[in-house]
Amino acid sequence: MDIVLVALSLFLMVLGILGSFLPVLPGPLTSWFGFLVLYFSNGIDISLPFLIITLFIALLIWLLDYIIPAIGTKRFGGSRSGMIGTTLGLIVGILSPIPFGIIIGPFVGAIIGELLHQNDMQRATKAAFGSFMGFITSTFLKFIVAVIYFGFFIVKVFDHSGPWW
């Protein structure tokens, strides 16, 4: 049974890293569920304080994921349309076969969203840049936390005194 739990936990950890880039998955929170699955295995020691602290961090990052792009957008004079355009551009960028689509898509989407909101290219570009920077900052933060959680996963699974299998 422990092998199944470790495999499921690994799947959730990898999904959490991918979720750092995909807007439909809460990356670090998904990774945290990997820790929760490991908690129920018999051979791997995950303490309750560890689970609580990592849950708090995952929830904080999840909350900041909504706040940081809004701050970036507002700081550069953007609108809600720019934020929506950023998200839609990300989805198109991920699905399109162009190189660096995950970076180009949100920026172009933000410009289109801002142009629909305000018909001034210079202001729309500035606001799109703010929206894009907020998105990049938030994504980077989620990715770093998910990778750190994956590192903890590796340590918990492979660094112990006895075999878990």
N, C-alpha and C. Protein backbone atom coordinates (compact mmCIF):
# COMPACT_ATOMS: atom_id res chain seq x y z
N MET A 1 0.81 -1.20 0.00
CA MET A 1 0.00 0.00 0.00
C MET A 1 0.86 1.27 0.00
N ASP A 2 2.00 1.21 0.68
CA ASP A 2 2.87 2.38 0.73
C ASP A 2 3.39 2.78 -0.65
N ILE A 3 3.64 1.80 -1.49
CA ILE A 3 4.12 2.10 -2.85
C ILE A 3 3.07 2.89 -3.62
N VAL A 4 1.82 2.52 -3.46
CA VAL A 4 0.73 3.24 -4.13
C VAL A 4 0.64 4.68 -3.60
N LEU A 5 0.76 4.84 -2.29
CA LEU A 5 0.69 6.18 -1.69
C LEU A 5 1.86 7.04 -2.14
N VAL A 6 3.06 6.47 -2.20
CA VAL A 6 4.23 7.23 -2.65
C VAL A 6 4.07 7.60 -4.13
N ALA A 7 3.57 6.69 -4.94
CA ALA A 7 3.36 6.98 -6.36
C ALA A 7 2.31 8.08 -6.54
N LEU A 8 1.22 8.01 -5.78
CA LEU A 8 0.20 9.05 -5.85
C LEU A 8 0.75 10.39 -5.39
N SER A 9 1.54 10.35 -4.34
CA SER A 9 2.17 11.57 -3.83
C SER A 9 3.11 12.17 -4.87
N LEU A 10 3.90 11.33 -5.51
CA LEU A 10 4.81 11.80 -6.57
C LEU A 10 4.01 12.44 -7.70
N PHE A 11 2.92 11.80 -8.09
CA PHE A 11 2.05 12.35 -9.15
C PHE A 11 1.55 13.73 -8.76
N LEU A 12 1.10 13.89 -7.50
CA LEU A 12 0.60 15.18 -7.05
C LEU A 12 1.70 16.23 -6.99
N MET A 13 2.91 15.81 -6.63
CA MET A 13 4.04 16.75 -6.60
C MET A 13 4.35 17.26 -8.01
N VAL A 14 4.41 16.36 -8.97
CA VAL A 14 4.69 16.76 -10.35
C VAL A 14 3.54 17.62 -10.89
N LEU A 15 2.32 17.24 -10.58
CA LEU A 15 1.15 18.01 -10.99
C LEU A 15 1.20 19.41 -10.36
N GLY A 16 1.70 19.50 -9.14
CA GLY A 16 1.84 20.80 -8.47
C GLY A 16 2.84 21.69 -9.18
N ILE A 17 3.94 21.11 -9.64
CA ILE A 17 4.92 21.90 -10.39
C ILE A 17 4.30 22.38 -11.70
N LEU A 18 3.60 21.50 -12.39
CA LEU A 18 2.91 21.91 -13.62
C LEU A 18 1.83 22.93 -13.33
N GLY A 19 1.17 22.79 -12.20
CA GLY A 19 0.13 23.72 -11.81
C GLY A 19 0.64 25.11 -11.52
N SER A 20 1.93 25.26 -11.36
CA SER A 20 2.50 26.59 -11.18
C SER A 20 2.34 27.42 -12.45
N PHE A 21 2.26 26.75 -13.58
CA PHE A 21 2.16 27.44 -14.87
C PHE A 21 0.74 27.42 -15.43
N LEU A 22 -0.05 26.44 -15.04
CA LEU A 22 -1.40 26.30 -15.57
C LEU A 22 -2.39 27.02 -14.65
N PRO A 23 -3.21 27.89 -15.19
CA PRO A 23 -4.10 28.67 -14.33
C PRO A 23 -5.22 27.87 -13.69
N VAL A 24 -5.47 26.67 -14.15
CA VAL A 24 -6.59 25.89 -13.59
C VAL A 24 -6.18 25.05 -12.38
N LEU A 25 -4.89 24.89 -12.15
CA LEU A 25 -4.41 24.08 -11.03
C LEU A 25 -3.68 24.96 -10.01
N PRO A 26 -4.04 24.86 -8.74
CA PRO A 26 -3.28 25.60 -7.72
C PRO A 26 -1.99 24.83 -7.39
N GLY A 27 -0.89 25.21 -7.99
CA GLY A 27 0.37 24.47 -7.91
C GLY A 27 0.81 24.02 -6.53
N PRO A 28 1.21 24.95 -5.64
CA PRO A 28 1.69 24.53 -4.32
C PRO A 28 0.63 23.79 -3.50
N LEU A 29 -0.62 24.15 -3.68
CA LEU A 29 -1.68 23.46 -2.94
C LEU A 29 -1.81 22.01 -3.41
N THR A 30 -1.66 21.79 -4.70
CA THR A 30 -1.68 20.43 -5.23
C THR A 30 -0.49 19.64 -4.69
N SER A 31 0.68 20.28 -4.65
CA SER A 31 1.86 19.63 -4.08
C SER A 31 1.63 19.30 -2.61
N TRP A 32 0.96 20.19 -1.89
CA TRP A 32 0.70 19.92 -0.48
C TRP A 32 -0.16 18.67 -0.31
N PHE A 33 -1.10 18.45 -1.20
CA PHE A 33 -1.90 17.23 -1.13
C PHE A 33 -1.02 15.99 -1.28
N GLY A 34 0.11 16.14 -1.98
CA GLY A 34 1.09 15.06 -2.04
C GLY A 34 1.65 14.75 -0.66
N PHE A 35 1.93 15.80 0.13
CA PHE A 35 2.37 15.58 1.51
C PHE A 35 1.28 14.91 2.34
N LEU A 36 0.05 15.34 2.12
CA LEU A 36 -1.05 14.75 2.88
C LEU A 36 -1.17 13.25 2.59
N VAL A 37 -1.00 12.87 1.34
CA VAL A 37 -1.04 11.45 0.98
C VAL A 37 0.11 10.71 1.65
N LEU A 38 1.31 11.31 1.65
CA LEU A 38 2.47 10.68 2.31
C LEU A 38 2.23 10.52 3.82
N TYR A 39 1.51 11.44 4.40
CA TYR A 39 1.23 11.39 5.84
C TYR A 39 0.53 10.09 6.22
N PHE A 40 -0.28 9.55 5.32
CA PHE A 40 -1.03 8.33 5.61
C PHE A 40 -0.24 7.05 5.31
N SER A 41 0.97 7.18 4.81
CA SER A 41 1.78 5.98 4.60
C SER A 41 2.44 5.58 5.92
N ASN A 42 2.71 4.31 6.06
CA ASN A 42 3.28 3.82 7.32
C ASN A 42 4.79 4.02 7.41
N GLY A 43 5.49 3.96 6.29
CA GLY A 43 6.94 3.97 6.34
C GLY A 43 7.60 5.32 6.22
N ILE A 44 6.85 6.37 5.94
CA ILE A 44 7.44 7.70 5.76
C ILE A 44 6.92 8.61 6.85
N ASP A 45 7.85 9.25 7.53
CA ASP A 45 7.51 10.08 8.67
C ASP A 45 7.26 11.52 8.23
N ILE A 46 5.99 11.90 8.29
CA ILE A 46 5.59 13.29 8.05
C ILE A 46 4.88 13.74 9.32
N SER A 47 5.40 14.77 9.94
CA SER A 47 4.81 15.22 11.20
C SER A 47 3.62 16.15 10.94
N LEU A 48 2.75 16.22 11.91
CA LEU A 48 1.60 17.10 11.81
C LEU A 48 2.01 18.58 11.76
N PRO A 49 2.98 19.02 12.56
CA PRO A 49 3.42 20.42 12.43
C PRO A 49 3.96 20.73 11.02
N PHE A 50 4.67 19.79 10.42
CA PHE A 50 5.17 19.97 9.05
C PHE A 50 3.99 20.16 8.09
N LEU A 51 2.97 19.33 8.24
CA LEU A 51 1.78 19.44 7.38
C LEU A 51 1.08 20.78 7.56
N ILE A 52 0.96 21.22 8.78
CA ILE A 52 0.26 22.48 9.06
C ILE A 52 1.05 23.67 8.50
N ILE A 53 2.35 23.69 8.70
CA ILE A 53 3.17 24.80 8.20
C ILE A 53 3.16 24.84 6.68
N THR A 54 3.33 23.69 6.04
CA THR A 54 3.33 23.67 4.58
C THR A 54 1.95 24.01 4.01
N LEU A 55 0.88 23.62 4.73
CA LEU A 55 -0.47 24.00 4.29
C LEU A 55 -0.63 25.51 4.38
N PHE A 56 -0.18 26.10 5.47
CA PHE A 56 -0.27 27.55 5.62
C PHE A 56 0.46 28.26 4.48
N ILE A 57 1.66 27.79 4.16
CA ILE A 57 2.42 28.40 3.07
C ILE A 57 1.70 28.23 1.73
N ALA A 58 1.18 27.04 1.48
CA ALA A 58 0.47 26.78 0.22
C ALA A 58 -0.77 27.68 0.10
N LEU A 59 -1.51 27.84 1.20
CA LEU A 59 -2.69 28.70 1.17
C LEU A 59 -2.30 30.17 0.98
N LEU A 60 -1.21 30.58 1.61
CA LEU A 60 -0.73 31.95 1.44
C LEU A 60 -0.34 32.22 -0.02
N ILE A 61 0.38 31.28 -0.63
CA ILE A 61 0.77 31.43 -2.03
C ILE A 61 -0.46 31.43 -2.93
N TRP A 62 -1.44 30.60 -2.61
CA TRP A 62 -2.67 30.56 -3.38
C TRP A 62 -3.39 31.91 -3.33
N LEU A 63 -3.42 32.52 -2.14
CA LEU A 63 -4.03 33.83 -1.98
C LEU A 63 -3.23 34.90 -2.73
N LEU A 64 -1.92 34.87 -2.58
CA LEU A 64 -1.06 35.84 -3.27
C LEU A 64 -1.16 35.71 -4.78
N ASP A 65 -1.48 34.53 -5.27
CA ASP A 65 -1.62 34.32 -6.71
C ASP A 65 -2.73 35.20 -7.29
N TYR A 66 -3.70 35.55 -6.49
CA TYR A 66 -4.76 36.44 -6.95
C TYR A 66 -4.43 37.91 -6.70
N ILE A 67 -3.61 38.18 -5.70
CA ILE A 67 -3.30 39.56 -5.32
C ILE A 67 -2.16 40.14 -6.14
N ILE A 68 -1.08 39.39 -6.35
CA ILE A 68 0.10 39.92 -7.03
C ILE A 68 -0.19 40.40 -8.45
N PRO A 69 -0.87 39.62 -9.31
CA PRO A 69 -1.16 40.15 -10.65
C PRO A 69 -2.03 41.41 -10.61
N ALA A 70 -2.95 41.48 -9.66
CA ALA A 70 -3.80 42.66 -9.54
C ALA A 70 -2.97 43.88 -9.15
N ILE A 71 -2.02 43.69 -8.25
CA ILE A 71 -1.15 44.79 -7.83
C ILE A 71 -0.31 45.27 -9.02
N GLY A 72 0.26 44.32 -9.76
CA GLY A 72 1.05 44.69 -10.94
C GLY A 72 0.22 45.42 -11.97
N THR A 73 -0.98 44.96 -12.19
CA THR A 73 -1.85 45.59 -13.17
C THR A 73 -2.24 47.00 -12.72
N LYS A 74 -2.66 47.14 -11.48
CA LYS A 74 -3.08 48.45 -10.98
C LYS A 74 -1.91 49.43 -10.91
N ARG A 75 -0.74 48.94 -10.56
CA ARG A 75 0.44 49.80 -10.44
C ARG A 75 0.81 50.43 -11.78
N PHE A 76 0.57 49.72 -12.86
CA PHE A 76 0.90 50.22 -14.19
C PHE A 76 -0.34 50.76 -14.92
N GLY A 77 -1.44 50.97 -14.19
CA GLY A 77 -2.62 51.59 -14.78
C GLY A 77 -3.51 50.64 -15.55
N GLY A 78 -3.45 49.37 -15.25
CA GLY A 78 -4.24 48.39 -15.99
C GLY A 78 -5.63 48.20 -15.43
N SER A 79 -6.37 47.36 -16.12
CA SER A 79 -7.76 47.10 -15.75
C SER A 79 -7.99 45.60 -15.59
N ARG A 80 -9.20 45.28 -15.21
CA ARG A 80 -9.60 43.88 -15.10
C ARG A 80 -9.53 43.19 -16.47
N SER A 81 -9.82 43.95 -17.50
CA SER A 81 -9.74 43.40 -18.86
C SER A 81 -8.32 42.94 -19.19
N GLY A 82 -7.35 43.67 -18.72
CA GLY A 82 -5.94 43.27 -18.94
C GLY A 82 -5.61 41.99 -18.20
N MET A 83 -6.13 41.83 -16.99
CA MET A 83 -5.87 40.61 -16.24
C MET A 83 -6.55 39.41 -16.91
N ILE A 84 -7.77 39.60 -17.38
CA ILE A 84 -8.48 38.52 -18.08
C ILE A 84 -7.73 38.18 -19.36
N GLY A 85 -7.29 39.20 -20.08
CA GLY A 85 -6.51 38.97 -21.31
C GLY A 85 -5.22 38.21 -21.03
N THR A 86 -4.58 38.51 -19.89
CA THR A 86 -3.36 37.80 -19.51
C THR A 86 -3.64 36.31 -19.32
N THR A 87 -4.71 35.99 -18.62
CA THR A 87 -5.06 34.59 -18.37
C THR A 87 -5.42 33.87 -19.66
N LEU A 88 -6.24 34.50 -20.49
CA LEU A 88 -6.61 33.89 -21.77
C LEU A 88 -5.39 33.73 -22.68
N GLY A 89 -4.51 34.73 -22.66
CA GLY A 89 -3.27 34.64 -23.44
C GLY A 89 -2.37 33.51 -22.97
N LEU A 90 -2.36 33.26 -21.67
CA LEU A 90 -1.59 32.14 -21.14
C LEU A 90 -2.12 30.83 -21.68
N ILE A 91 -3.43 30.67 -21.65
CA ILE A 91 -4.03 29.42 -22.14
C ILE A 91 -3.72 29.23 -23.62
N VAL A 92 -3.88 30.28 -24.42
CA VAL A 92 -3.57 30.19 -25.85
C VAL A 92 -2.08 29.92 -26.04
N GLY A 93 -1.23 30.58 -25.25
CA GLY A 93 0.22 30.38 -25.36
C GLY A 93 0.66 28.97 -25.03
N ILE A 94 0.01 28.36 -24.05
CA ILE A 94 0.33 26.98 -23.68
C ILE A 94 -0.10 26.02 -24.79
N LEU A 95 -1.27 26.27 -25.36
CA LEU A 95 -1.82 25.36 -26.36
C LEU A 95 -1.23 25.57 -27.76
N SER A 96 -0.65 26.73 -27.99
CA SER A 96 -0.12 27.00 -29.34
C SER A 96 1.27 26.39 -29.50
N PRO A 97 1.62 26.04 -30.73
CA PRO A 97 2.92 25.40 -30.96
C PRO A 97 4.09 26.39 -31.12
N ILE A 98 3.87 27.67 -30.80
CA ILE A 98 4.96 28.63 -30.98
C ILE A 98 5.96 28.54 -29.83
N PRO A 99 7.23 28.81 -30.11
CA PRO A 99 8.23 28.82 -29.03
C PRO A 99 7.94 29.97 -28.06
N PHE A 100 8.15 29.74 -26.80
CA PHE A 100 7.94 30.72 -25.73
C PHE A 100 6.49 31.20 -25.66
N GLY A 101 5.55 30.37 -26.09
CA GLY A 101 4.14 30.73 -26.05
C GLY A 101 3.65 31.04 -24.66
N ILE A 102 4.22 30.38 -23.67
CA ILE A 102 3.81 30.59 -22.29
C ILE A 102 4.20 31.98 -21.79
N ILE A 103 5.17 32.61 -22.45
CA ILE A 103 5.60 33.97 -22.09
C ILE A 103 4.95 35.01 -23.01
N ILE A 104 4.93 34.72 -24.30
CA ILE A 104 4.37 35.66 -25.28
C ILE A 104 2.85 35.77 -25.12
N GLY A 105 2.18 34.64 -24.91
CA GLY A 105 0.72 34.62 -24.82
C GLY A 105 0.15 35.56 -23.78
N PRO A 106 0.62 35.52 -22.51
CA PRO A 106 0.05 36.42 -21.50
C PRO A 106 0.25 37.90 -21.84
N PHE A 107 1.41 38.24 -22.40
CA PHE A 107 1.67 39.65 -22.72
C PHE A 107 0.76 40.13 -23.84
N VAL A 108 0.65 39.34 -24.91
CA VAL A 108 -0.23 39.72 -26.03
C VAL A 108 -1.69 39.74 -25.56
N GLY A 109 -2.07 38.76 -24.74
CA GLY A 109 -3.43 38.75 -24.21
C GLY A 109 -3.72 39.98 -23.36
N ALA A 110 -2.74 40.41 -22.57
CA ALA A 110 -2.92 41.61 -21.75
C ALA A 110 -3.07 42.86 -22.62
N ILE A 111 -2.28 42.95 -23.68
CA ILE A 111 -2.41 44.10 -24.59
C ILE A 111 -3.80 44.12 -25.23
N ILE A 112 -4.24 42.98 -25.73
CA ILE A 112 -5.56 42.91 -26.36
C ILE A 112 -6.65 43.27 -25.35
N GLY A 113 -6.55 42.72 -24.14
CA GLY A 113 -7.54 43.04 -23.11
C GLY A 113 -7.56 44.52 -22.78
N GLU A 114 -6.38 45.14 -22.68
CA GLU A 114 -6.31 46.56 -22.37
C GLU A 114 -6.80 47.41 -23.54
N LEU A 115 -6.51 46.99 -24.77
CA LEU A 115 -6.99 47.74 -25.93
C LEU A 115 -8.52 47.69 -26.03
N LEU A 116 -9.11 46.58 -25.61
CA LEU A 116 -10.56 46.50 -25.59
C LEU A 116 -11.14 47.42 -24.52
N HIS A 117 -10.39 47.62 -23.45
CA HIS A 117 -10.85 48.48 -22.35
C HIS A 117 -10.59 49.95 -22.64
N GLN A 118 -9.40 50.25 -23.12
CA GLN A 118 -9.02 51.63 -23.44
C GLN A 118 -8.35 51.63 -24.81
N ASN A 119 -8.68 52.56 -25.63
CA ASN A 119 -8.24 52.55 -27.02
C ASN A 119 -6.94 53.31 -27.22
N ASP A 120 -6.05 53.30 -26.24
CA ASP A 120 -4.77 54.00 -26.30
C ASP A 120 -3.65 52.97 -26.24
N MET A 121 -2.93 52.82 -27.35
CA MET A 121 -1.90 51.77 -27.44
C MET A 121 -0.80 51.96 -26.41
N GLN A 122 -0.37 53.17 -26.17
CA GLN A 122 0.72 53.42 -25.22
C GLN A 122 0.29 53.05 -23.79
N ARG A 123 -0.90 53.47 -23.39
CA ARG A 123 -1.39 53.13 -22.05
C ARG A 123 -1.67 51.63 -21.95
N ALA A 124 -2.20 51.05 -23.03
CA ALA A 124 -2.50 49.61 -23.02
C ALA A 124 -1.21 48.80 -22.90
N THR A 125 -0.15 49.23 -23.58
CA THR A 125 1.13 48.52 -23.50
C THR A 125 1.71 48.61 -22.09
N LYS A 126 1.63 49.79 -21.49
CA LYS A 126 2.14 49.97 -20.13
C LYS A 126 1.35 49.11 -19.14
N ALA A 127 0.03 49.14 -19.26
CA ALA A 127 -0.81 48.34 -18.38
C ALA A 127 -0.59 46.85 -18.61
N ALA A 128 -0.43 46.46 -19.87
CA ALA A 128 -0.17 45.05 -20.19
C ALA A 128 1.15 44.61 -19.60
N PHE A 129 2.14 45.48 -19.62
CA PHE A 129 3.42 45.15 -19.01
C PHE A 129 3.25 44.91 -17.52
N GLY A 130 2.47 45.74 -16.85
CA GLY A 130 2.22 45.55 -15.41
C GLY A 130 1.49 44.25 -15.13
N SER A 131 0.49 43.96 -15.95
CA SER A 131 -0.24 42.71 -15.79
C SER A 131 0.67 41.52 -16.03
N PHE A 132 1.48 41.62 -17.05
CA PHE A 132 2.42 40.55 -17.37
C PHE A 132 3.44 40.36 -16.26
N MET A 133 3.98 41.44 -15.71
CA MET A 133 4.97 41.33 -14.63
C MET A 133 4.34 40.73 -13.37
N GLY A 134 3.11 41.10 -13.08
CA GLY A 134 2.41 40.49 -11.95
C GLY A 134 2.21 39.01 -12.15
N PHE A 135 1.85 38.63 -13.37
CA PHE A 135 1.66 37.22 -13.69
C PHE A 135 2.97 36.45 -13.55
N ILE A 136 4.06 37.00 -14.11
CA ILE A 136 5.36 36.33 -14.06
C ILE A 136 5.82 36.19 -12.61
N THR A 137 5.65 37.23 -11.81
CA THR A 137 6.06 37.19 -10.40
C THR A 137 5.28 36.11 -9.65
N SER A 138 3.99 36.08 -9.85
CA SER A 138 3.14 35.10 -9.19
C SER A 138 3.49 33.68 -9.63
N THR A 139 3.70 33.49 -10.92
CA THR A 139 4.05 32.17 -11.44
C THR A 139 5.40 31.71 -10.90
N PHE A 140 6.37 32.61 -10.86
CA PHE A 140 7.69 32.28 -10.34
C PHE A 140 7.61 31.88 -8.88
N LEU A 141 6.83 32.61 -8.11
CA LEU A 141 6.67 32.30 -6.68
C LEU A 141 6.04 30.92 -6.49
N LYS A 142 4.99 30.63 -7.26
CA LYS A 142 4.34 29.31 -7.17
C LYS A 142 5.32 28.20 -7.57
N PHE A 143 6.08 28.44 -8.63
CA PHE A 143 7.03 27.43 -9.10
C PHE A 143 8.10 27.15 -8.04
N ILE A 144 8.64 28.19 -7.45
CA ILE A 144 9.68 28.01 -6.42
C ILE A 144 9.14 27.21 -5.24
N VAL A 145 7.95 27.54 -4.77
CA VAL A 145 7.37 26.80 -3.64
C VAL A 145 7.11 25.35 -4.02
N ALA A 146 6.58 25.11 -5.22
CA ALA A 146 6.30 23.73 -5.66
C ALA A 146 7.60 22.93 -5.78
N VAL A 147 8.66 23.54 -6.25
CA VAL A 147 9.95 22.85 -6.36
C VAL A 147 10.52 22.57 -4.97
N ILE A 148 10.39 23.50 -4.06
CA ILE A 148 10.85 23.27 -2.68
C ILE A 148 10.05 22.13 -2.06
N TYR A 149 8.75 22.09 -2.29
CA TYR A 149 7.94 20.99 -1.78
C TYR A 149 8.38 19.66 -2.40
N PHE A 150 8.73 19.69 -3.66
CA PHE A 150 9.23 18.48 -4.31
C PHE A 150 10.55 18.04 -3.67
N GLY A 151 11.40 19.00 -3.34
CA GLY A 151 12.65 18.69 -2.64
C GLY A 151 12.39 18.05 -1.28
N PHE A 152 11.42 18.59 -0.54
CA PHE A 152 11.03 17.98 0.73
C PHE A 152 10.52 16.56 0.51
N PHE A 153 9.76 16.37 -0.56
CA PHE A 153 9.24 15.04 -0.89
C PHE A 153 10.40 14.06 -1.08
N ILE A 154 11.40 14.45 -1.86
CA ILE A 154 12.57 13.59 -2.12
C ILE A 154 13.26 13.26 -0.81
N VAL A 155 13.46 14.27 0.03
CA VAL A 155 14.13 14.04 1.32
C VAL A 155 13.30 13.09 2.19
N LYS A 156 12.01 13.31 2.26
CA LYS A 156 11.15 12.47 3.11
C LYS A 156 11.11 11.02 2.61
N VAL A 157 11.09 10.84 1.30
CA VAL A 157 10.96 9.49 0.75
C VAL A 157 12.29 8.73 0.80
N PHE A 158 13.40 9.41 0.49
CA PHE A 158 14.66 8.69 0.34
C PHE A 158 15.64 8.88 1.49
N ASP A 159 15.35 9.74 2.43
CA ASP A 159 16.30 9.99 3.53
C ASP A 159 15.67 9.59 4.85
N HIS A 160 15.71 8.30 5.12
CA HIS A 160 15.20 7.80 6.39
C HIS A 160 15.99 6.57 6.78
N SER A 161 15.77 6.09 7.97
CA SER A 161 16.62 5.02 8.50
C SER A 161 16.27 3.62 8.00
N GLY A 162 15.06 3.40 7.60
CA GLY A 162 14.68 2.06 7.16
C GLY A 162 13.93 2.11 5.84
N PRO A 163 13.81 0.97 5.19
CA PRO A 163 13.08 0.95 3.92
C PRO A 163 11.59 1.17 4.14
N TRP A 164 10.97 1.95 3.27
CA TRP A 164 9.53 2.21 3.37
C TRP A 164 8.74 1.22 2.58
N TRP A 165 9.40 0.50 1.72
CA TRP A 165 8.67 -0.45 0.89
C TRP A 165 8.70 -1.79 1.53
